[in-house]
Protein backbone atom coordinates (compact mmCIF):
# COMPACT_ATOMS: atom_id res chain seq x y z
CA MET A 1 -79.13 -6.05 -49.65
CA LYS A 2 -81.64 -5.80 -52.46
CA VAL A 3 -85.02 -4.20 -51.74
CA SER A 4 -87.81 -4.70 -54.25
CA ALA A 5 -91.13 -2.88 -54.37
CA ALA A 6 -94.09 -3.53 -56.64
CA LEU A 7 -97.61 -2.22 -56.92
CA GLN A 8 -100.10 -5.05 -57.41
CA ASN A 9 -103.64 -4.59 -58.68
CA ASN A 10 -105.83 -6.49 -56.21
CA SER A 11 -109.08 -5.17 -57.67
CA ASP A 12 -111.12 -6.60 -60.51
CA LYS A 13 -110.73 -3.43 -62.60
CA GLN A 14 -107.78 -2.23 -64.65
CA VAL A 15 -105.78 0.62 -63.09
CA TYR A 16 -102.92 2.73 -64.47
CA VAL A 17 -99.73 3.76 -62.68
CA ASP A 18 -96.93 6.18 -63.47
CA ARG A 19 -94.13 4.13 -65.06
CA ARG A 20 -91.51 6.22 -63.22
CA MET A 21 -90.56 5.10 -59.71
CA PHE A 22 -87.56 6.63 -57.96
CA TRP A 23 -86.21 5.70 -54.51
CA THR A 24 -85.91 9.23 -53.15
CA GLY A 25 -88.38 9.51 -50.37
CA PHE A 26 -91.68 10.92 -51.46
CA GLY A 27 -90.15 13.27 -54.05
CA GLY A 28 -89.68 10.36 -56.44
CA GLY A 29 -92.56 8.11 -55.53
CA LEU A 30 -90.92 5.49 -53.29
CA LYS A 31 -89.91 6.03 -49.69
CA LEU A 32 -88.04 3.48 -47.61
CA GLU A 33 -89.12 3.43 -43.97
CA ILE A 34 -86.85 1.67 -41.47
CA LYS A 35 -87.60 1.27 -37.75
CA ASP A 36 -85.71 -0.40 -34.94
CA GLU A 37 -87.22 -2.92 -32.48
CA GLN A 38 -88.55 -0.10 -30.30
CA GLY A 39 -90.41 1.45 -33.25
CA LYS A 40 -88.00 4.38 -33.60
CA SER A 41 -87.58 5.55 -37.19
CA LEU A 42 -84.07 5.52 -38.55
CA PRO A 43 -83.04 8.18 -41.01
CA ALA A 44 -82.75 6.54 -44.41
CA SER A 45 -79.66 7.48 -46.37
CA ALA A 46 -80.50 9.35 -49.53
CA LEU A 47 -80.84 6.93 -52.41
CA SER A 48 -81.14 9.68 -54.98
CA ASP A 49 -81.88 13.38 -55.13
CA ALA A 50 -84.28 13.01 -58.06
CA ILE A 51 -87.54 14.91 -57.84
CA MET A 52 -90.36 13.54 -59.94
CA PRO A 53 -90.46 15.86 -62.96
CA PRO A 54 -93.60 16.37 -65.00
CA PRO A 55 -93.77 14.04 -68.00
CA LYS A 56 -92.45 15.23 -71.32
CA GLU A 57 -95.09 16.89 -73.42
CA GLY A 58 -96.90 14.37 -75.60
CA ASP A 59 -95.50 11.35 -73.69
CA THR A 60 -98.19 8.71 -74.10
CA SER A 61 -96.11 5.98 -72.41
CA ILE A 62 -96.25 7.63 -68.97
CA LEU A 63 -99.02 5.34 -67.70
CA ILE A 64 -98.65 1.56 -67.31
CA PRO A 65 -101.88 -0.47 -67.30
CA LEU A 66 -102.21 -3.03 -64.52
CA ASP A 67 -104.86 -5.69 -64.98
CA GLU A 68 -106.22 -7.71 -62.06
CA GLY A 69 -103.39 -9.58 -60.34
CA PHE A 70 -100.61 -7.90 -62.33
CA LEU A 71 -97.82 -5.92 -60.72
CA TYR A 72 -95.25 -3.30 -61.63
CA GLY A 73 -92.19 -2.35 -59.64
CA THR A 74 -88.49 -1.78 -59.23
CA SER A 75 -85.63 -2.68 -56.91
CA GLU A 76 -82.63 -1.04 -55.31
CA ASN A 77 -79.37 -2.37 -53.88
CA LEU A 78 -78.53 -0.99 -50.45
CA LEU A 79 -75.28 -1.02 -48.51
CA VAL A 80 -76.32 -2.49 -45.17
CA LYS A 81 -73.85 -0.35 -43.18
CA ASP A 82 -75.43 2.84 -44.59
CA PHE A 83 -78.93 1.96 -43.36
CA PHE A 84 -78.51 -0.13 -40.23
CA PRO A 85 -76.18 1.41 -37.62
CA LYS A 86 -75.73 -1.68 -35.45
CA PRO A 87 -76.78 -5.32 -35.13
CA GLY A 88 -80.42 -5.84 -34.21
CA LYS A 89 -83.92 -6.35 -35.57
CA TYR A 90 -85.40 -3.80 -37.93
CA SER A 91 -88.63 -3.40 -39.82
CA ILE A 92 -88.58 -2.19 -43.40
CA ARG A 93 -91.50 -1.04 -45.48
CA VAL A 94 -91.92 0.89 -48.69
CA ILE A 95 -94.42 3.68 -49.16
CA TYR A 96 -95.56 4.63 -52.65
CA LYS A 97 -96.95 8.05 -53.49
CA SER A 98 -97.91 9.12 -56.99
CA TRP A 99 -96.99 12.68 -57.95
CA LEU A 100 -98.54 12.50 -61.40
CA ARG A 101 -101.10 15.25 -61.95
CA LYS A 102 -103.82 14.87 -64.56
CA GLU A 103 -103.13 18.25 -66.09
CA PHE A 104 -99.54 17.17 -66.90
CA VAL A 105 -100.53 14.24 -69.12
CA ALA A 106 -101.93 14.20 -72.64
CA PRO A 107 -105.65 15.11 -72.64
CA HIS A 108 -106.76 11.67 -73.85
CA LEU A 109 -105.12 10.05 -70.78
CA ARG A 110 -106.79 12.22 -68.14
CA ASP A 111 -109.93 10.14 -67.76
CA LEU A 112 -108.10 6.85 -67.22
CA PRO A 113 -108.47 5.20 -63.78
CA ALA A 114 -104.96 6.04 -62.63
CA LEU A 115 -103.17 6.57 -59.36
CA TRP A 116 -102.99 10.36 -59.60
CA ALA A 117 -101.34 12.81 -57.22
CA ASP A 118 -104.55 13.09 -55.17
CA THR A 119 -104.51 9.33 -54.46
CA PRO A 120 -103.48 8.52 -50.88
CA GLU A 121 -100.10 6.91 -50.32
CA ILE A 122 -99.86 3.12 -50.36
CA ALA A 123 -97.73 1.45 -47.67
CA SER A 124 -96.46 -2.11 -47.71
CA GLU A 125 -96.68 -4.34 -44.69
CA PRO A 126 -93.44 -4.19 -42.69
CA VAL A 127 -90.86 -6.92 -43.17
CA TRP A 128 -88.62 -7.74 -40.22
CA ILE A 129 -84.94 -8.48 -40.70
CA GLU A 130 -82.11 -9.19 -38.31
CA ILE A 131 -78.71 -7.59 -38.81
CA GLN A 132 -75.82 -9.52 -37.30
CA GLN A 133 -72.31 -8.26 -36.83
CA ASN A 134 -69.99 -9.40 -39.57
CA SER A 135 -66.87 -11.06 -38.17
CA THR A 136 -64.71 -9.60 -40.96
CA ASN A 137 -65.40 -5.97 -40.00
């Protein structure tokens, strides 16, 4: 199963986002949240153990500009059996959290309207899927 996540600028002003997005839970910026029909959270298998490092000194490409209506994102392939323990209905949503701190970027980037570490997390609306038992298993 392929899960895609993208940040979309729904405002009428340009905003900047950290170009790095890792599927690691909040340590890397993107967290996958899976719940069963009863609303119970399922533990998500680790997608990576990457922790968001500070940008390299002098890296001026760390921020991606998003104009109104534009989006920026990534995707990940998941093994269904690792995330969904049995047939049933599940909700999936992605939560984005920036870990980029102003003091870690080049001085001329610090005043840009960016999603910095002090910006609240952004959660997608849940998407419901149904997992059916595969007859070949």
